[in-house]
Structure formats: C-alpha cells, structure tokens
Amino acid sequence: MIRRYLQYLQQSLRDWNEIFLSELRTIFSDAGVLIFFILVPLGYPLLYTFIYNKETIREVPVAVVDNSRTKISREYLRRLDATADVQIVSHCADMAEARDLVREREAYGVVEIPADFSKALNRGKQTSVSIFVDMSGLLYYKAILTSNTNVSLSMNADIKAQRAGATTAQQEAVSVQPIAYEEVSLFNPTNGFASFLIPAVLILLIQQTLILGVGMAAGTAREAGRLGRLLPAMERRGGLMRIILGKGAAYLLVYLPISVYVLGIVPHLFRLNQLSNPWTLPLFVVPYLMACISFSLALSAILKHRETVILLVVFTSVPLLFISGISWPGSSIPDFWKYVSYIFPSTFGINGFIKANNMGAPLAYLRTECTMLWLQAFLYFFVAVAMYRRNLMRIKD
C-alpha cells in the first residue's frame, strides 16, 4: 500500500515537473507569449505613468471679457492669472471674440465680468462673475472653476474686512471667516490624476497580459497539435489536476517578479502613493495572481484560436476599468454590471490594491477581496480542469 502510494506520488511529481518545464519552454520560445509576458508588463506601466506624470492640469488657457474695466475688476483678473491652474491668454472685446478662441482651442474657458461689477460692489450689492468652460475636458472645468472660486472667496474676505471698519485683528478674522475650515486631501494629497488612475491600470494590466499570454500559448499548442502530449498524464489518476497545476506554477513563477516590478518598482520610480505594510501587499497579490492564472487557463481552454484572445482583451479592458468601481463610483454602477464585474479577478484586485497600497489598509480590511479572489482561483481551477478534459477527450477520440 505504502509502496503503491509512493509510486503514485513519484509519478505525480514527474508529470508535474514535465508539464511545468514544458510550459516554461513554451513561454520563452514563443515570441508572441514573450511580448505579452515580458515586454508589455515592462513597457506599458512606464508609458502610462509618463503620460500622467504631471498629476494635475496647470496653466489652463483662459480668455477674459472685462466689461467693467475698473480697478477692482483688474484686481480680480490679476489674482486669477496668479493662480497655478489658470493662465489668461487674451483680453477680448466681447463674447463673440472669446467664443472664437474657445472654438479654435486657443482657450478652454471664458471669464466674463459684468459692466456693473464695481458699481454694485461699491453700493453694497451682490454681483457675479460668469465663467464658461469647454466641458469636453472635465479637468479643464475643475481647474477653471476652482481657481475662480478661490479668487472670489479671497476677494469676498477682503471686502468684508474693509467694510467692518475699525476692528481688532481678531474681530476682523471672525467677521471674514466665522467658521474656520481646513481642506485635507486624504490618500491623494496632490489631487493628482496619476495617483488616482495608475494603480488601477497597473493591477488590470497584470490580468490582461496574463490572459493574452496564456491564451496565445494555448492557441499555439492547439494549432500545432501539441495538446496530444498531455494525454498520457490525463489518463493517470488526478492527471488533469497535475496538468493545470504544472501550467499554473510556470505562469506564477514568471509573474511573481513581474508583479514586484509593476506594483512595487514602477510606483516608487514615479513617487506614487505607497502606504501598504511590507507584508500586506505580497499576501494580497498572491491570491490575485492565482485567480488571474486560473481564469486565464479556463478561458484559454474555451477559445479555439490564439487571435481570439487579443480581440477579447481589447474589447474588455476599458469596460473592466469602468465597472471596477474606481473610475466611476461603485455605488452608482447598475446592479447588473456590478454582478458582471464579479466574474473578473480585476474587480477585487483593483479595489483591494487601492485599499492596501493607496490607503494603507491592513490585511484584515481586505478580507472580502481576498476571500473572493481565493474563491475565484478555486472555481476557475476546476473550470479549467473540466475544459481541458473535454478538449483532450476530443483529441483522444
């Protein structure tokens, strides 16, 4: 009995080792797989992060129409031009001229000061400043609106202080700002676009390149007729599990250092937020990789041609980012698409990585994401086993 068990164990290890080494040879001998496993993970994170490296929009071109032409209107425009987010590029005679500049993309917004601006303020009446923004770019809107809001609040405070008359410094501070407030940006102190978007893109990149590489390797093996080599292992007890475990171990070996580079080195190079505990991130990334590998193996066994997986990834990459709950609030995603997002490891991977890396959450706060990733890893593992059984039985017949 013991001898038989030892023989079975020895055969299992021999099968596993043969499949593991065979899959490694496939990875490093197939140029297409190498591109998606090595070149894309090495190059794309740098490309994406370089594009958004400035983090925020600065010096947005703005045209102004000063119908008042008074000292106080010029002061408003001087303060506006002094802000970091806005640059006045043209003083226009009327709105028609300003609209032409926006239409020609020489300016992305218009600030119009009414003719009675100074007169209304001197009479103690309320006045307004109108802003018109090109809403095809929401970041332009944010920069122009924020700058004008800050300038108007600052001038409001100065006007209140002047009208308060002879008061002490303390009384002046209270009259200008009865309730003191302080704005603190949590987990993204620069309010930067890269700190917000790049972590989600990096974690999605791992899943998509795994799907591409595994799918291409499986498609090549199917087209070259190499799947038949797995038949001897399949016919032995537990052979299908050894096949999937051997392939999965090869992909895990390749992607562990890739994950260190993509999720650790790239954010460090570009000074993105990295607040995670040294042990939290590795303990979270391992189930994410396992889920992605199982999902990729199951998907590769379903798709018949290696080109199909490329079309699938191109079609799903942007939607997966949207329905993950990062680029668009998860609470506002329709229930149907929320349930669809649970199919993909990237949904739990993105949310868990943001919590751990950007918000410094300990592993206990990632319980939901880790549990779902392990469930996906086991579920897709057995799906992959079933699909490989079907494909190999067809070859055998």
Protein backbone atom coordinates (compact mmCIF):
# COMPACT_ATOMS: atom_id res chain seq x y z
CA MET A 1 0.00 0.00 0.00
CA ILE A 2 2.73 2.40 1.02
CA ARG A 3 4.84 1.37 -1.95
CA ARG A 4 1.93 1.96 -4.30
CA TYR A 5 1.33 5.39 -2.75
CA LEU A 6 5.00 6.30 -3.13
CA GLN A 7 4.94 5.21 -6.76
CA TYR A 8 1.84 7.34 -7.34
CA LEU A 9 3.47 10.33 -5.65
CA GLN A 10 6.65 9.87 -7.67
CA GLN A 11 4.68 9.68 -10.92
CA SER A 12 2.65 12.76 -9.96
CA LEU A 13 5.80 14.76 -9.31
CA ARG A 14 7.30 13.53 -12.57
CA ASP A 15 4.20 14.57 -14.52
CA TRP A 16 4.01 17.91 -12.77
CA ASN A 17 7.68 18.64 -13.36
CA GLU A 18 7.44 17.65 -17.04
CA ILE A 19 4.41 19.89 -17.64
CA PHE A 20 5.97 22.74 -15.64
CA LEU A 21 9.22 22.65 -17.64
CA SER A 22 7.34 22.22 -20.92
CA GLU A 23 5.24 25.30 -20.21
CA LEU A 24 8.32 27.33 -19.31
CA ARG A 25 9.92 26.30 -22.62
CA THR A 26 6.76 27.37 -24.43
CA ILE A 27 6.79 30.77 -22.71
CA PHE A 28 10.40 31.56 -23.57
CA SER A 29 10.34 30.10 -27.09
CA ASP A 30 7.15 31.78 -28.34
CA ALA A 31 7.80 35.39 -29.37
CA GLY A 32 4.12 36.33 -29.03
CA VAL A 33 3.91 35.00 -25.48
CA LEU A 34 7.17 36.73 -24.54
CA ILE A 35 5.82 40.06 -25.78
CA PHE A 36 2.74 39.83 -23.55
CA PHE A 37 4.51 38.28 -20.56
CA ILE A 38 7.70 40.36 -20.54
CA LEU A 39 7.78 43.35 -22.89
CA VAL A 40 4.25 44.65 -22.30
CA PRO A 41 4.44 44.50 -18.45
CA LEU A 42 7.87 46.15 -18.58
CA GLY A 43 6.98 48.90 -21.04
CA TYR A 44 3.30 49.78 -20.61
CA PRO A 45 3.45 50.85 -16.93
CA LEU A 46 6.24 53.29 -17.79
CA LEU A 47 4.30 54.64 -20.79
CA TYR A 48 1.06 55.15 -18.87
CA THR A 49 2.77 56.73 -15.88
CA PHE A 50 4.90 59.05 -18.04
CA ILE A 51 1.72 60.33 -19.73
CA TYR A 52 0.07 61.25 -16.40
CA ASN A 53 3.29 62.13 -14.56
CA LYS A 54 2.36 65.79 -14.15
CA GLU A 55 -0.56 64.63 -11.98
CA THR A 56 -2.59 67.85 -12.33
CA ILE A 57 -3.54 70.33 -15.07
CA ARG A 58 -1.69 73.64 -14.73
CA GLU A 59 -1.93 76.98 -16.56
CA VAL A 60 -5.15 76.25 -18.45
CA PRO A 61 -5.52 78.92 -21.19
CA VAL A 62 -8.45 81.26 -20.49
CA ALA A 63 -9.89 84.26 -22.32
CA VAL A 64 -11.45 87.13 -20.36
CA VAL A 65 -14.09 89.71 -21.24
CA ASP A 66 -13.83 92.61 -18.79
CA ASN A 67 -16.92 94.74 -19.36
CA SER A 68 -16.25 96.70 -16.17
CA ARG A 69 -12.66 97.84 -16.85
CA THR A 70 -12.24 99.13 -13.33
CA LYS A 71 -9.58 98.78 -10.68
CA ILE A 72 -11.42 96.04 -8.80
CA SER A 73 -12.16 94.02 -11.95
CA ARG A 74 -8.49 94.21 -12.92
CA GLU A 75 -7.58 93.07 -9.41
CA TYR A 76 -9.86 90.06 -9.79
CA LEU A 77 -8.21 89.13 -13.09
CA ARG A 78 -4.72 89.71 -11.68
CA ARG A 79 -5.40 87.29 -8.84
CA LEU A 80 -6.94 84.79 -11.23
CA ASP A 81 -3.89 84.89 -13.51
CA ALA A 82 -1.65 84.41 -10.47
CA THR A 83 -3.23 81.05 -9.61
CA ALA A 84 -1.35 77.91 -10.63
CA ASP A 85 -4.24 76.40 -12.58
CA VAL A 86 -5.23 79.25 -14.92
CA GLN A 87 -3.38 81.48 -17.38
CA ILE A 88 -5.09 84.43 -19.06
CA VAL A 89 -4.06 84.32 -22.71
CA SER A 90 -6.32 87.01 -24.18
CA HIS A 91 -8.36 90.06 -23.13
CA CYS A 92 -11.28 90.07 -25.59
CA ALA A 93 -13.51 92.95 -26.59
CA ASP A 94 -16.70 90.86 -26.45
CA MET A 95 -18.04 87.32 -26.01
CA ALA A 96 -18.04 86.65 -29.75
CA GLU A 97 -14.28 87.07 -29.90
CA ALA A 98 -13.84 84.89 -26.80
CA ARG A 99 -16.04 82.13 -28.27
CA ASP A 100 -13.87 82.10 -31.39
CA LEU A 101 -10.78 81.45 -29.25
CA VAL A 102 -12.52 78.54 -27.50
CA ARG A 103 -13.70 77.14 -30.81
CA GLU A 104 -10.12 77.26 -32.15
CA ARG A 105 -8.83 75.65 -28.91
CA GLU A 106 -6.62 78.60 -28.11
CA ALA A 107 -8.55 78.88 -24.84
CA TYR A 108 -10.56 76.36 -22.84
CA GLY A 109 -12.74 78.78 -20.95
CA VAL A 110 -14.06 82.34 -20.78
CA VAL A 111 -14.37 84.60 -17.73
CA GLU A 112 -16.86 87.46 -18.16
CA ILE A 113 -17.04 90.35 -15.71
CA PRO A 114 -20.28 92.38 -15.96
CA ALA A 115 -20.28 96.13 -16.66
CA ASP A 116 -21.77 97.00 -13.22
CA PHE A 117 -19.24 94.86 -11.31
CA SER A 118 -17.52 97.75 -9.49
CA LYS A 119 -20.69 99.86 -9.14
CA ALA A 120 -22.61 97.02 -7.49
CA LEU A 121 -19.81 96.33 -5.01
CA ASN A 122 -19.47 100.00 -4.09
CA ARG A 123 -23.22 100.18 -3.43
CA GLY A 124 -23.08 97.12 -1.21
CA LYS A 125 -24.99 94.97 -3.66
CA GLN A 126 -24.25 91.44 -4.75
CA THR A 127 -22.62 90.92 -8.13
CA SER A 128 -21.36 87.94 -10.07
CA VAL A 129 -18.63 86.74 -12.41
CA SER A 130 -19.66 84.36 -15.20
CA ILE A 131 -17.41 81.54 -16.35
CA PHE A 132 -17.89 79.44 -19.49
CA VAL A 133 -15.86 76.23 -19.75
CA ASP A 134 -15.20 73.71 -22.50
CA MET A 135 -16.83 70.64 -20.90
CA SER A 136 -15.23 68.22 -23.36
CA GLY A 137 -12.41 68.08 -20.80
CA LEU A 138 -13.58 67.79 -17.20
CA LEU A 139 -10.10 68.56 -15.86
CA TYR A 140 -10.23 71.96 -17.58
CA TYR A 141 -13.57 72.60 -15.89
CA LYS A 142 -12.18 71.66 -12.49
CA ALA A 143 -9.11 73.91 -12.88
CA ILE A 144 -11.04 76.97 -14.07
CA LEU A 145 -13.90 76.60 -11.59
CA THR A 146 -11.60 76.01 -8.62
CA SER A 147 -9.41 78.99 -9.46
CA ASN A 148 -12.36 81.37 -9.85
CA THR A 149 -13.98 80.08 -6.67
CA ASN A 150 -10.80 80.60 -4.66
CA VAL A 151 -10.28 84.12 -6.06
CA SER A 152 -13.90 85.12 -5.35
CA LEU A 153 -13.68 83.80 -1.78
CA SER A 154 -10.43 85.68 -1.23
CA MET A 155 -11.85 88.95 -2.54
CA ASN A 156 -15.05 88.44 -0.54
CA ALA A 157 -12.95 88.20 2.61
CA ASP A 158 -11.06 91.40 1.76
CA ILE A 159 -14.31 93.30 1.05
CA LYS A 160 -15.81 92.14 4.36
CA ALA A 161 -12.70 93.28 6.22
CA GLN A 162 -12.82 96.72 4.59
CA ARG A 163 -16.49 97.20 5.43
CA ALA A 164 -16.06 96.06 9.01
CA GLY A 165 -14.42 99.38 9.87
CA ALA A 166 -12.02 99.87 12.74
CA THR A 167 -11.75 96.47 14.40
CA THR A 168 -9.04 94.41 16.03
CA ALA A 169 -7.23 91.68 14.09
CA GLN A 170 -9.19 89.04 15.95
CA GLN A 171 -12.55 90.68 15.23
CA GLU A 172 -11.57 91.07 11.59
CA ALA A 173 -10.69 87.35 11.34
CA VAL A 174 -14.03 86.37 12.87
CA SER A 175 -16.02 88.66 10.59
CA VAL A 176 -14.21 87.44 7.49
CA GLN A 177 -14.34 83.74 8.38
CA PRO A 178 -16.72 82.93 11.28
CA ILE A 179 -16.12 79.19 10.83
CA ALA A 180 -12.52 78.26 10.11
CA TYR A 181 -12.02 75.29 7.84
CA GLU A 182 -9.08 73.33 6.53
CA GLU A 183 -9.09 71.18 3.42
CA VAL A 184 -7.20 67.90 3.71
CA SER A 185 -6.97 65.54 0.72
CA LEU A 186 -6.79 62.02 2.11
CA PHE A 187 -4.68 59.38 0.33
CA ASN A 188 -4.03 61.67 -2.66
CA PRO A 189 -2.55 64.89 -1.26
CA THR A 190 -1.72 66.34 -4.70
CA ASN A 191 -5.23 65.62 -6.06
CA GLY A 192 -3.29 64.07 -8.92
CA PHE A 193 -4.70 62.08 -11.80
CA ALA A 194 -1.81 59.59 -11.85
CA SER A 195 -2.18 58.77 -8.14
CA PHE A 196 -5.89 58.17 -8.77
CA LEU A 197 -5.82 56.16 -12.01
CA ILE A 198 -2.44 54.46 -12.42
CA PRO A 199 -2.77 51.94 -9.52
CA ALA A 200 -5.98 50.58 -11.07
CA VAL A 201 -4.38 50.42 -14.52
CA LEU A 202 -1.35 48.54 -13.15
CA ILE A 203 -3.41 45.84 -11.45
CA LEU A 204 -5.63 45.45 -14.55
CA LEU A 205 -2.53 45.18 -16.73
CA ILE A 206 -1.45 42.04 -14.87
CA GLN A 207 -4.75 40.29 -15.54
CA GLN A 208 -4.97 41.32 -19.20
CA THR A 209 -1.39 40.35 -20.09
CA LEU A 210 -1.85 37.01 -18.34
CA ILE A 211 -4.99 36.34 -20.38
CA LEU A 212 -3.17 37.32 -23.58
CA GLY A 213 -0.06 35.24 -22.87
CA VAL A 214 -1.85 32.14 -21.61
CA GLY A 215 -4.41 32.30 -24.41
CA MET A 216 -1.74 32.68 -27.05
CA ALA A 217 0.31 29.78 -25.63
CA ALA A 218 -2.78 27.52 -25.52
CA GLY A 219 -3.82 28.57 -29.03
CA THR A 220 -0.36 27.81 -30.39
CA ALA A 221 -0.33 24.39 -28.73
CA ARG A 222 -3.76 23.60 -30.14
CA GLU A 223 -2.87 24.75 -33.66
CA ALA A 224 0.46 22.87 -33.59
CA GLY A 225 -1.18 19.70 -32.34
CA ARG A 226 0.81 19.61 -29.10
CA LEU A 227 -2.19 19.09 -26.82
CA GLY A 228 -1.99 15.36 -27.52
CA ARG A 229 1.22 15.20 -25.50
CA LEU A 230 -0.88 15.70 -22.35
CA LEU A 231 -2.93 12.53 -22.95
CA PRO A 232 -0.63 10.16 -21.00
CA ALA A 233 -0.77 12.41 -17.95
CA MET A 234 -4.54 12.84 -18.25
CA GLU A 235 -5.17 9.08 -18.26
CA ARG A 236 -3.49 8.67 -14.89
CA ARG A 237 -5.46 9.32 -11.71
CA GLY A 238 -5.50 13.03 -10.89
CA GLY A 239 -3.64 13.75 -14.10
CA LEU A 240 -5.80 16.69 -15.17
CA MET A 241 -5.17 18.49 -11.91
CA ARG A 242 -1.43 17.96 -12.33
CA ILE A 243 -1.66 19.44 -15.83
CA ILE A 244 -3.37 22.61 -14.60
CA LEU A 245 -1.11 22.87 -11.53
CA GLY A 246 2.02 22.46 -13.67
CA LYS A 247 0.96 25.11 -16.14
CA GLY A 248 -0.20 27.44 -13.37
CA ALA A 249 3.09 27.08 -11.48
CA ALA A 250 5.04 28.10 -14.59
CA TYR A 251 2.93 31.23 -15.02
CA LEU A 252 3.16 32.04 -11.32
CA LEU A 253 6.96 31.75 -11.42
CA VAL A 254 7.14 34.21 -14.32
CA TYR A 255 4.62 36.69 -12.90
CA LEU A 256 5.87 36.96 -9.33
CA PRO A 257 8.88 39.12 -10.34
CA ILE A 258 6.74 40.90 -12.94
CA SER A 259 4.25 41.83 -10.18
CA VAL A 260 7.06 43.13 -7.98
CA TYR A 261 8.14 45.40 -10.83
CA VAL A 262 4.67 46.55 -11.89
CA LEU A 263 3.16 47.07 -8.42
CA GLY A 264 6.26 47.96 -6.44
CA ILE A 265 9.06 49.43 -8.52
CA VAL A 266 7.02 51.50 -11.03
CA PRO A 267 5.01 53.40 -8.33
CA HIS A 268 8.29 54.02 -6.47
CA LEU A 269 10.01 55.39 -9.59
CA PHE A 270 7.22 57.92 -10.15
CA ARG A 271 6.68 58.69 -6.45
CA LEU A 272 3.09 57.47 -6.38
CA ASN A 273 1.40 56.63 -3.08
CA GLN A 274 2.78 53.50 -1.40
CA LEU A 275 1.32 53.22 2.09
CA SER A 276 0.97 49.45 2.40
CA ASN A 277 2.61 47.33 5.06
CA PRO A 278 5.56 45.36 3.58
CA TRP A 279 3.72 42.08 4.21
CA THR A 280 0.19 43.13 3.28
CA LEU A 281 0.78 43.62 -0.44
CA PRO A 282 2.54 40.28 -1.10
CA LEU A 283 -0.15 38.40 0.84
CA PHE A 284 -2.79 40.09 -1.29
CA VAL A 285 -1.03 39.82 -4.67
CA VAL A 286 -0.58 36.03 -4.39
CA PRO A 287 -4.35 35.22 -4.39
CA TYR A 288 -4.84 37.81 -7.13
CA LEU A 289 -2.25 36.08 -9.32
CA MET A 290 -3.75 32.68 -8.56
CA ALA A 291 -7.22 33.91 -9.54
CA CYS A 292 -5.91 35.52 -12.74
CA ILE A 293 -3.96 32.39 -13.73
CA SER A 294 -6.93 30.08 -13.11
CA PHE A 295 -9.22 32.45 -15.01
CA SER A 296 -6.73 32.64 -17.92
CA LEU A 297 -6.35 28.86 -18.11
CA ALA A 298 -10.13 28.34 -18.09
CA LEU A 299 -10.60 30.99 -20.76
CA SER A 300 -7.76 29.67 -22.92
CA ALA A 301 -9.36 26.21 -22.93
CA ILE A 302 -12.62 27.69 -24.24
CA LEU A 303 -11.18 29.86 -27.02
CA LYS A 304 -10.15 27.97 -30.16
CA HIS A 305 -7.79 30.41 -31.87
CA ARG A 306 -4.90 32.43 -30.46
CA GLU A 307 -6.10 35.63 -32.18
CA THR A 308 -9.48 35.48 -30.41
CA VAL A 309 -7.97 36.28 -27.04
CA ILE A 310 -6.45 39.50 -28.40
CA LEU A 311 -9.84 40.70 -29.61
CA LEU A 312 -11.40 39.76 -26.27
CA VAL A 313 -8.86 41.72 -24.24
CA VAL A 314 -9.08 44.78 -26.49
CA PHE A 315 -12.85 44.77 -26.14
CA THR A 316 -12.97 44.29 -22.35
CA SER A 317 -10.06 46.36 -20.97
CA VAL A 318 -11.80 49.74 -20.76
CA PRO A 319 -15.18 48.35 -19.56
CA LEU A 320 -13.41 46.37 -16.83
CA LEU A 321 -11.77 49.56 -15.58
CA PHE A 322 -15.13 51.35 -15.53
CA ILE A 323 -17.12 48.62 -13.76
CA SER A 324 -14.41 48.03 -11.16
CA GLY A 325 -15.79 50.97 -9.16
CA ILE A 326 -12.65 53.11 -9.41
CA SER A 327 -13.05 55.37 -12.44
CA TRP A 328 -16.80 55.56 -11.75
CA PRO A 329 -18.20 55.23 -8.19
CA GLY A 330 -19.24 51.67 -7.40
CA SER A 331 -22.41 52.88 -5.68
CA SER A 332 -23.59 54.37 -9.00
CA ILE A 333 -22.94 51.29 -11.13
CA PRO A 334 -26.17 49.44 -12.12
CA ASP A 335 -26.65 46.14 -10.29
CA PHE A 336 -26.42 44.10 -13.49
CA TRP A 337 -22.97 45.42 -14.35
CA LYS A 338 -21.88 45.15 -10.74
CA TYR A 339 -22.66 41.41 -10.83
CA VAL A 340 -20.90 41.10 -14.20
CA SER A 341 -17.80 42.69 -12.68
CA TYR A 342 -17.65 39.93 -10.05
CA ILE A 343 -16.75 37.46 -12.80
CA PHE A 344 -13.33 39.06 -13.27
CA PRO A 345 -10.46 38.96 -10.73
CA SER A 346 -9.54 42.54 -11.67
CA THR A 347 -12.59 43.94 -9.84
CA PHE A 348 -11.48 42.61 -6.45
CA GLY A 349 -7.83 43.07 -7.35
CA ILE A 350 -8.21 46.77 -8.12
CA ASN A 351 -10.28 47.55 -5.03
CA GLY A 352 -8.02 45.54 -2.75
CA PHE A 353 -4.85 47.04 -4.17
CA ILE A 354 -6.20 50.58 -3.78
CA LYS A 355 -7.09 49.86 -0.15
CA ALA A 356 -3.72 48.31 0.65
CA ASN A 357 -1.34 50.43 -1.43
CA ASN A 358 -3.02 53.86 -1.54
CA MET A 359 -4.90 53.86 1.76
CA GLY A 360 -2.55 51.76 3.90
CA ALA A 361 -5.27 49.27 4.93
CA PRO A 362 -4.04 46.18 6.82
CA LEU A 363 -4.81 42.69 5.56
CA ALA A 364 -7.81 42.37 7.89
CA TYR A 365 -9.57 45.13 5.93
CA LEU A 366 -9.04 43.19 2.70
CA ARG A 367 -10.95 40.13 3.92
CA THR A 368 -13.72 40.47 1.34
CA GLU A 369 -11.37 40.93 -1.62
CA CYS A 370 -9.02 38.12 -0.54
CA THR A 371 -11.91 35.72 0.06
CA MET A 372 -13.43 36.43 -3.34
CA LEU A 373 -10.07 36.05 -5.08
CA TRP A 374 -9.44 32.66 -3.46
CA LEU A 375 -12.95 31.56 -4.40
CA GLN A 376 -12.34 32.63 -7.99
CA ALA A 377 -8.98 30.83 -8.02
CA PHE A 378 -10.58 27.52 -6.94
CA LEU A 379 -13.68 27.93 -9.11
CA TYR A 380 -11.77 28.71 -12.30
CA PHE A 381 -9.25 25.96 -11.49
CA PHE A 382 -12.00 23.34 -11.67
CA VAL A 383 -13.49 25.02 -14.74
CA ALA A 384 -10.08 24.74 -16.39
CA VAL A 385 -9.84 21.07 -15.41
CA ALA A 386 -13.27 20.38 -16.93
CA MET A 387 -12.47 22.24 -20.15
CA TYR A 388 -9.10 20.50 -20.58
CA ARG A 389 -10.82 17.14 -20.05
CA ARG A 390 -13.29 17.98 -22.84
CA ASN A 391 -10.56 19.14 -25.24
CA LEU A 392 -8.29 16.15 -24.59
CA MET A 393 -11.14 13.67 -24.89
CA ARG A 394 -11.90 15.11 -28.34
CA ILE A 395 -8.30 14.58 -29.36
CA LYS A 396 -8.33 11.04 -27.99
CA ASP A 397 -11.49 10.18 -29.90
